[in-house]
Amino acid sequence: MSLFLHSHPLASFCHKVLIALYENTTPFQSVHVDLGNEASRAAFFRISPLGKMPVLRDEARGRTIPETTIIIEYLDRYYPATTPLIPDDFDKALDVRLWDRFFDLYVQEPMQQIVGERLRGGGNPARVAEAEAALRKAYAMIERQLGGHAWITGDGFTMADCAAAPALFYAETLVPFADQPKLQSYYDRLLSRPSFARVLEEARPYFKLYPYRERLPARFRPDEAAG
């Protein structure tokens, strides 16, 4: 096996790449990164000086690939399988890349800002309100984009949907979107996707570390699941 994914089961950006790998049943080995463990941290920083997860190491090609979008592009190019996550058609591929960036920048970033403020002990209420407003604006744009198709850019599941699933999973715990019916239905489809369901099941033991764990859907709350 030549592919090694250095990641953590709770991290939303790691989820994005895991979904892509599971969509195509791409063989890989998971390397758990524990930044609280000195040895694990040191080993990870040797391959990722910026300390950002995930990182893909391809021993067969001697490549170390950072950044989620680049990792998925790399997999789509060198380890293609049954589900192409980036269309061959240039215009369709452009749409996929656009919405991939949209979820990373306009859903993930505000979500992480809110979580970060709680980790800082409450932080700055103005920054939280700003991030919540940004999420509501993003939700409205997603609602308009969805139209009548199943996935964010059309009828096929793509890299953009890999980005959407974890971003929306955590964002929904902070700013619910039940008032956006198309978005809610899209999110329900994402939850039912086997690749994402597998990611969430693997993350379940770590949800106790999520600062807003009390807002997770009941089936994902560790204490309730254990009971």
C-alpha atoms as a PDB file:
ATOM      1  CA  MET A   1       0.000   0.000   0.000  1.00  0.00           C
ATOM      2  CA  SER A   2       1.523   3.299  -1.065  1.00  0.00           C
ATOM      3  CA  LEU A   3      -0.952   5.918   0.192  1.00  0.00           C
ATOM      4  CA  PHE A   4      -0.817   7.207   3.767  1.00  0.00           C
ATOM      5  CA  LEU A   5      -3.251   9.848   5.017  1.00  0.00           C
ATOM      6  CA  HIS A   6      -2.063  11.769   8.064  1.00  0.00           C
ATOM      7  CA  SER A   7      -5.211  13.049   9.748  1.00  0.00           C
ATOM      8  CA  HIS A   8      -7.435  13.215  12.826  1.00  0.00           C
ATOM      9  CA  PRO A   9     -10.941  11.678  12.943  1.00  0.00           C
ATOM     10  CA  LEU A  10     -12.586  14.829  14.365  1.00  0.00           C
ATOM     11  CA  ALA A  11     -11.188  17.338  11.869  1.00  0.00           C
ATOM     12  CA  SER A  12     -13.646  18.537   9.240  1.00  0.00           C
ATOM     13  CA  PHE A  13     -11.040  19.064   6.528  1.00  0.00           C
ATOM     14  CA  CYS A  14      -9.801  15.514   7.108  1.00  0.00           C
ATOM     15  CA  HIS A  15     -13.378  14.321   6.636  1.00  0.00           C
ATOM     16  CA  LYS A  16     -13.425  15.949   3.210  1.00  0.00           C
ATOM     17  CA  VAL A  17     -10.522  13.826   1.942  1.00  0.00           C
ATOM     18  CA  LEU A  18     -11.764  10.673   3.664  1.00  0.00           C
ATOM     19  CA  ILE A  19     -15.086  10.992   1.843  1.00  0.00           C
ATOM     20  CA  ALA A  20     -13.217  11.167  -1.474  1.00  0.00           C
ATOM     21  CA  LEU A  21     -11.162   8.082  -0.600  1.00  0.00           C
ATOM     22  CA  TYR A  22     -14.203   6.098   0.509  1.00  0.00           C
ATOM     23  CA  GLU A  23     -16.230   7.116  -2.535  1.00  0.00           C
ATOM     24  CA  ASN A  24     -13.784   5.235  -4.716  1.00  0.00           C
ATOM     25  CA  THR A  25     -12.691   2.572  -2.210  1.00  0.00           C
ATOM     26  CA  THR A  26      -9.132   3.800  -2.744  1.00  0.00           C
ATOM     27  CA  PRO A  27      -6.706   1.683  -0.669  1.00  0.00           C
ATOM     28  CA  PHE A  28      -4.819   3.765   1.887  1.00  0.00           C
ATOM     29  CA  GLN A  29      -3.476   3.604   5.406  1.00  0.00           C
ATOM     30  CA  SER A  30      -4.653   6.114   7.993  1.00  0.00           C
ATOM     31  CA  VAL A  31      -1.998   7.671  10.220  1.00  0.00           C
ATOM     32  CA  HIS A  32      -3.571   9.171  13.345  1.00  0.00           C
ATOM     33  CA  VAL A  33      -2.066  12.549  14.228  1.00  0.00           C
ATOM     34  CA  ASP A  34      -2.228  13.525  17.903  1.00  0.00           C
ATOM     35  CA  LEU A  35      -0.885  17.044  18.243  1.00  0.00           C
ATOM     36  CA  GLY A  36      -1.024  16.674  22.020  1.00  0.00           C
ATOM     37  CA  ASN A  37       1.524  13.863  21.867  1.00  0.00           C
ATOM     38  CA  GLU A  38       5.085  15.120  21.502  1.00  0.00           C
ATOM     39  CA  ALA A  39       6.302  12.250  19.317  1.00  0.00           C
ATOM     40  CA  SER A  40       3.233  12.296  17.064  1.00  0.00           C
ATOM     41  CA  ARG A  41       3.431  16.076  16.744  1.00  0.00           C
ATOM     42  CA  ALA A  42       7.132  16.025  15.857  1.00  0.00           C
ATOM     43  CA  ALA A  43       6.629  13.297  13.250  1.00  0.00           C
ATOM     44  CA  PHE A  44       3.768  15.200  11.663  1.00  0.00           C
ATOM     45  CA  PHE A  45       5.624  18.513  11.512  1.00  0.00           C
ATOM     46  CA  ARG A  46       8.445  16.771   9.670  1.00  0.00           C
ATOM     47  CA  ILE A  47       6.094  16.145   6.744  1.00  0.00           C
ATOM     48  CA  SER A  48       3.867  19.206   7.276  1.00  0.00           C
ATOM     49  CA  PRO A  49       5.919  22.172   8.519  1.00  0.00           C
ATOM     50  CA  LEU A  50       2.774  24.343   8.665  1.00  0.00           C
ATOM     51  CA  GLY A  51       1.076  21.769  10.867  1.00  0.00           C
ATOM     52  CA  LYS A  52      -2.061  21.614   8.751  1.00  0.00           C
ATOM     53  CA  MET A  53      -4.089  18.428   8.377  1.00  0.00           C
ATOM     54  CA  PRO A  54      -4.621  16.323   6.396  1.00  0.00           C
ATOM     55  CA  VAL A  55      -1.505  15.435   4.431  1.00  0.00           C
ATOM     56  CA  LEU A  56      -1.308  12.618   1.886  1.00  0.00           C
ATOM     57  CA  ARG A  57       1.956  10.743   1.424  1.00  0.00           C
ATOM     58  CA  ASP A  58       2.337   8.670  -1.740  1.00  0.00           C
ATOM     59  CA  GLU A  59       5.341   6.395  -1.273  1.00  0.00           C
ATOM     60  CA  ALA A  60       5.039   4.940  -4.776  1.00  0.00           C
ATOM     61  CA  ARG A  61       5.486   8.337  -6.405  1.00  0.00           C
ATOM     62  CA  GLY A  62       7.599   9.947  -3.705  1.00  0.00           C
ATOM     63  CA  ARG A  63       5.124  12.793  -3.228  1.00  0.00           C
ATOM     64  CA  THR A  64       3.783  14.524  -0.135  1.00  0.00           C
ATOM     65  CA  ILE A  65       0.540  16.346  -0.879  1.00  0.00           C
ATOM     66  CA  PRO A  66      -0.971  18.980   1.455  1.00  0.00           C
ATOM     67  CA  GLU A  67      -4.274  20.893   1.164  1.00  0.00           C
ATOM     68  CA  THR A  68      -7.575  19.051   0.788  1.00  0.00           C
ATOM     69  CA  THR A  69      -8.522  20.233  -2.681  1.00  0.00           C
ATOM     70  CA  ILE A  70      -5.070  19.444  -4.041  1.00  0.00           C
ATOM     71  CA  ILE A  71      -5.166  15.995  -2.417  1.00  0.00           C
ATOM     72  CA  ILE A  72      -8.490  15.173  -4.079  1.00  0.00           C
ATOM     73  CA  GLU A  73      -7.270  16.528  -7.421  1.00  0.00           C
ATOM     74  CA  TYR A  74      -4.171  14.345  -7.048  1.00  0.00           C
ATOM     75  CA  LEU A  75      -6.235  11.251  -6.258  1.00  0.00           C
ATOM     76  CA  ASP A  76      -8.554  11.932  -9.166  1.00  0.00           C
ATOM     77  CA  ARG A  77      -5.570  12.182 -11.525  1.00  0.00           C
ATOM     78  CA  TYR A  78      -3.312   9.359 -10.314  1.00  0.00           C
ATOM     79  CA  TYR A  79      -5.759   6.983  -8.593  1.00  0.00           C
ATOM     80  CA  PRO A  80      -8.949   7.256 -10.665  1.00  0.00           C
ATOM     81  CA  ALA A  81     -11.780   4.866  -9.933  1.00  0.00           C
ATOM     82  CA  THR A  82     -15.479   4.405 -10.525  1.00  0.00           C
ATOM     83  CA  THR A  83     -16.611   7.830  -9.325  1.00  0.00           C
ATOM     84  CA  PRO A  84     -14.773  10.731 -10.988  1.00  0.00           C
ATOM     85  CA  LEU A  85     -14.968  13.568  -8.497  1.00  0.00           C
ATOM     86  CA  ILE A  86     -13.925  16.208 -11.033  1.00  0.00           C
ATOM     87  CA  PRO A  87     -15.661  16.170 -14.443  1.00  0.00           C
ATOM     88  CA  ASP A  88     -13.650  16.065 -17.658  1.00  0.00           C
ATOM     89  CA  ASP A  89     -15.742  18.887 -19.113  1.00  0.00           C
ATOM     90  CA  PHE A  90     -13.927  22.144 -18.320  1.00  0.00           C
ATOM     91  CA  ASP A  91     -17.000  24.235 -17.506  1.00  0.00           C
ATOM     92  CA  LYS A  92     -18.448  21.546 -15.248  1.00  0.00           C
ATOM     93  CA  ALA A  93     -15.074  21.095 -13.557  1.00  0.00           C
ATOM     94  CA  LEU A  94     -14.923  24.849 -12.992  1.00  0.00           C
ATOM     95  CA  ASP A  95     -18.304  24.738 -11.230  1.00  0.00           C
ATOM     96  CA  VAL A  96     -17.073  21.907  -9.017  1.00  0.00           C
ATOM     97  CA  ARG A  97     -13.927  23.819  -8.080  1.00  0.00           C
ATOM     98  CA  LEU A  98     -15.943  26.975  -7.419  1.00  0.00           C
ATOM     99  CA  TRP A  99     -18.315  25.254  -4.996  1.00  0.00           C
ATOM    100  CA  ASP A 100     -15.476  23.341  -3.390  1.00  0.00           C
ATOM    101  CA  ARG A 101     -13.871  26.684  -2.566  1.00  0.00           C
ATOM    102  CA  PHE A 102     -17.226  28.110  -1.506  1.00  0.00           C
ATOM    103  CA  PHE A 103     -17.699  25.491   1.199  1.00  0.00           C
ATOM    104  CA  ASP A 104     -14.103  25.780   2.376  1.00  0.00           C
ATOM    105  CA  LEU A 105     -14.118  29.578   2.543  1.00  0.00           C
ATOM    106  CA  TYR A 106     -17.686  30.577   3.341  1.00  0.00           C
ATOM    107  CA  VAL A 107     -18.952  27.680   5.455  1.00  0.00           C
ATOM    108  CA  GLN A 108     -15.856  26.102   7.003  1.00  0.00           C
ATOM    109  CA  GLU A 109     -14.132  29.375   7.907  1.00  0.00           C
ATOM    110  CA  PRO A 110     -17.068  31.028   9.741  1.00  0.00           C
ATOM    111  CA  MET A 111     -17.822  27.717  11.441  1.00  0.00           C
ATOM    112  CA  GLN A 112     -14.243  27.418  12.661  1.00  0.00           C
ATOM    113  CA  GLN A 113     -14.279  31.048  13.779  1.00  0.00           C
ATOM    114  CA  ILE A 114     -17.269  30.374  16.053  1.00  0.00           C
ATOM    115  CA  VAL A 115     -15.701  27.208  17.452  1.00  0.00           C
ATOM    116  CA  GLY A 116     -12.428  29.041  17.979  1.00  0.00           C
ATOM    117  CA  GLU A 117     -14.141  31.752  19.994  1.00  0.00           C
ATOM    118  CA  ARG A 118     -15.633  29.155  22.347  1.00  0.00           C
ATOM    119  CA  LEU A 119     -12.223  27.530  22.762  1.00  0.00           C
ATOM    120  CA  ARG A 120     -10.956  30.947  23.828  1.00  0.00           C
ATOM    121  CA  GLY A 121     -13.508  31.002  26.645  1.00  0.00           C
ATOM    122  CA  GLY A 122     -16.298  32.911  24.937  1.00  0.00           C
ATOM    123  CA  GLY A 123     -14.064  35.210  22.994  1.00  0.00           C
ATOM    124  CA  ASN A 124     -15.482  38.128  21.100  1.00  0.00           C
ATOM    125  CA  PRO A 125     -19.313  38.153  20.769  1.00  0.00           C
ATOM    126  CA  ALA A 126     -19.065  40.539  17.825  1.00  0.00           C
ATOM    127  CA  ARG A 127     -16.880  38.083  15.925  1.00  0.00           C
ATOM    128  CA  VAL A 128     -19.315  35.264  16.677  1.00  0.00           C
ATOM    129  CA  ALA A 129     -22.251  37.347  15.421  1.00  0.00           C
ATOM    130  CA  GLU A 130     -20.294  38.232  12.280  1.00  0.00           C
ATOM    131  CA  ALA A 131     -19.538  34.572  11.589  1.00  0.00           C
ATOM    132  CA  GLU A 132     -23.159  33.563  12.204  1.00  0.00           C
ATOM    133  CA  ALA A 133     -24.307  36.190   9.703  1.00  0.00           C
ATOM    134  CA  ALA A 134     -21.763  34.892   7.181  1.00  0.00           C
ATOM    135  CA  LEU A 135     -23.159  31.368   7.558  1.00  0.00           C
ATOM    136  CA  ARG A 136     -26.738  32.558   7.001  1.00  0.00           C
ATOM    137  CA  LYS A 137     -25.642  34.360   3.856  1.00  0.00           C
ATOM    138  CA  ALA A 138     -23.852  31.229   2.629  1.00  0.00           C
ATOM    139  CA  TYR A 139     -26.921  29.097   3.350  1.00  0.00           C
ATOM    140  CA  ALA A 140     -29.100  31.363   1.223  1.00  0.00           C
ATOM    141  CA  MET A 141     -26.653  31.091  -1.672  1.00  0.00           C
ATOM    142  CA  ILE A 142     -26.547  27.286  -1.384  1.00  0.00           C
ATOM    143  CA  GLU A 143     -30.347  27.183  -1.341  1.00  0.00           C
ATOM    144  CA  ARG A 144     -30.453  29.128  -4.619  1.00  0.00           C
ATOM    145  CA  GLN A 145     -27.764  26.950  -6.194  1.00  0.00           C
ATOM    146  CA  LEU A 146     -29.397  23.610  -5.449  1.00  0.00           C
ATOM    147  CA  GLY A 147     -32.387  24.057  -7.741  1.00  0.00           C
ATOM    148  CA  GLY A 148     -33.846  20.678  -8.632  1.00  0.00           C
ATOM    149  CA  HIS A 149     -30.719  18.519  -8.735  1.00  0.00           C
ATOM    150  CA  ALA A 150     -29.491  16.087  -6.101  1.00  0.00           C
ATOM    151  CA  TRP A 151     -25.974  17.418  -5.562  1.00  0.00           C
ATOM    152  CA  ILE A 152     -24.476  20.877  -5.403  1.00  0.00           C
ATOM    153  CA  THR A 153     -23.346  21.132  -9.046  1.00  0.00           C
ATOM    154  CA  GLY A 154     -25.742  18.683 -10.699  1.00  0.00           C
ATOM    155  CA  ASP A 155     -26.811  15.061 -10.643  1.00  0.00           C
ATOM    156  CA  GLY A 156     -23.356  13.617  -9.938  1.00  0.00           C
ATOM    157  CA  PHE A 157     -21.525  13.517  -6.593  1.00  0.00           C
ATOM    158  CA  THR A 158     -18.270  15.506  -6.858  1.00  0.00           C
ATOM    159  CA  MET A 159     -15.389  17.024  -4.930  1.00  0.00           C
ATOM    160  CA  ALA A 160     -17.677  19.933  -4.063  1.00  0.00           C
ATOM    161  CA  ASP A 161     -20.000  17.570  -2.201  1.00  0.00           C
ATOM    162  CA  CYS A 162     -16.998  16.108  -0.373  1.00  0.00           C
ATOM    163  CA  ALA A 163     -16.332  19.663   0.832  1.00  0.00           C
ATOM    164  CA  ALA A 164     -19.977  20.345   1.651  1.00  0.00           C
ATOM    165  CA  ALA A 165     -20.644  17.369   3.910  1.00  0.00           C
ATOM    166  CA  PRO A 166     -18.289  18.058   6.843  1.00  0.00           C
ATOM    167  CA  ALA A 167     -18.660  21.826   6.555  1.00  0.00           C
ATOM    168  CA  LEU A 168     -22.438  21.599   6.866  1.00  0.00           C
ATOM    169  CA  PHE A 169     -22.297  18.912   9.558  1.00  0.00           C
ATOM    170  CA  TYR A 170     -20.505  21.194  11.994  1.00  0.00           C
ATOM    171  CA  ALA A 171     -22.039  24.473  10.778  1.00  0.00           C
ATOM    172  CA  GLU A 172     -25.558  23.145  11.360  1.00  0.00           C
ATOM    173  CA  THR A 173     -24.778  22.710  15.062  1.00  0.00           C
ATOM    174  CA  LEU A 174     -23.969  26.426  15.273  1.00  0.00           C
ATOM    175  CA  VAL A 175     -26.501  28.036  12.932  1.00  0.00           C
ATOM    176  CA  PRO A 176     -29.298  25.627  11.929  1.00  0.00           C
ATOM    177  CA  PHE A 177     -30.713  25.832   8.408  1.00  0.00           C
ATOM    178  CA  ALA A 178     -34.127  24.201   8.795  1.00  0.00           C
ATOM    179  CA  ASP A 179     -35.630  27.328   7.198  1.00  0.00           C
ATOM    180  CA  GLN A 180     -33.804  26.467   3.933  1.00  0.00           C
ATOM    181  CA  PRO A 181     -35.745  23.410   2.643  1.00  0.00           C
ATOM    182  CA  LYS A 182     -33.524  22.578  -0.336  1.00  0.00           C
ATOM    183  CA  LEU A 183     -30.397  22.870   1.766  1.00  0.00           C
ATOM    184  CA  GLN A 184     -31.934  20.721   4.496  1.00  0.00           C
ATOM    185  CA  SER A 185     -32.863  18.023   1.971  1.00  0.00           C
ATOM    186  CA  TYR A 186     -29.376  18.195   0.455  1.00  0.00           C
ATOM    187  CA  TYR A 187     -27.832  17.819   3.903  1.00  0.00           C
ATOM    188  CA  ASP A 188     -30.031  14.798   4.605  1.00  0.00           C
ATOM    189  CA  ARG A 189     -28.794  13.209   1.374  1.00  0.00           C
ATOM    190  CA  LEU A 190     -25.209  13.863   2.402  1.00  0.00           C
ATOM    191  CA  LEU A 191     -25.805  12.198   5.772  1.00  0.00           C
ATOM    192  CA  SER A 192     -27.193   9.153   3.966  1.00  0.00           C
ATOM    193  CA  ARG A 193     -24.217   8.887   1.607  1.00  0.00           C
ATOM    194  CA  PRO A 194     -22.283   5.724   2.626  1.00  0.00           C
ATOM    195  CA  SER A 195     -18.897   7.441   2.368  1.00  0.00           C
ATOM    196  CA  PHE A 196     -19.909  10.235   4.748  1.00  0.00           C
ATOM    197  CA  ALA A 197     -21.795   7.891   7.063  1.00  0.00           C
ATOM    198  CA  ARG A 198     -18.585   5.884   7.424  1.00  0.00           C
ATOM    199  CA  VAL A 199     -16.565   9.016   8.219  1.00  0.00           C
ATOM    200  CA  LEU A 200     -19.037  10.055  10.915  1.00  0.00           C
ATOM    201  CA  GLU A 201     -19.080   6.591  12.437  1.00  0.00           C
ATOM    202  CA  GLU A 202     -15.279   6.634  12.685  1.00  0.00           C
ATOM    203  CA  ALA A 203     -15.421  10.117  14.234  1.00  0.00           C
ATOM    204  CA  ARG A 204     -18.059   9.152  16.815  1.00  0.00           C
ATOM    205  CA  PRO A 205     -15.605   8.324  19.668  1.00  0.00           C
ATOM    206  CA  TYR A 206     -14.015  11.760  19.233  1.00  0.00           C
ATOM    207  CA  PHE A 207     -17.172  13.891  19.203  1.00  0.00           C
ATOM    208  CA  LYS A 208     -16.805  14.242  22.981  1.00  0.00           C
ATOM    209  CA  LEU A 209     -13.955  16.646  22.164  1.00  0.00           C
ATOM    210  CA  TYR A 210     -16.131  18.924  20.012  1.00  0.00           C
ATOM    211  CA  PRO A 211     -16.773  22.182  21.919  1.00  0.00           C
ATOM    212  CA  TYR A 212     -20.439  22.247  20.824  1.00  0.00           C
ATOM    213  CA  ARG A 213     -21.043  18.523  21.301  1.00  0.00           C
ATOM    214  CA  GLU A 214     -24.336  19.214  23.102  1.00  0.00           C
ATOM    215  CA  ARG A 215     -25.722  20.526  19.796  1.00  0.00           C
ATOM    216  CA  LEU A 216     -24.833  17.465  17.751  1.00  0.00           C
ATOM    217  CA  PRO A 217     -27.720  15.318  16.513  1.00  0.00           C
ATOM    218  CA  ALA A 218     -28.661  12.924  19.313  1.00  0.00           C
ATOM    219  CA  ARG A 219     -27.258   9.851  17.578  1.00  0.00           C
ATOM    220  CA  PHE A 220     -23.802  11.436  17.452  1.00  0.00           C
ATOM    221  CA  ARG A 221     -23.606  12.579  21.074  1.00  0.00           C
ATOM    222  CA  PRO A 222     -21.150  10.164  22.726  1.00  0.00           C
ATOM    223  CA  ASP A 223     -22.893   9.996  26.107  1.00  0.00           C
ATOM    224  CA  GLU A 224     -26.314   9.338  24.613  1.00  0.00           C
ATOM    225  CA  ALA A 225     -24.934   6.837  22.091  1.00  0.00           C
ATOM    226  CA  ALA A 226     -23.223   4.939  24.903  1.00  0.00           C
ATOM    227  CA  GLY A 227     -26.388   4.947  26.997  1.00  0.00           C
END
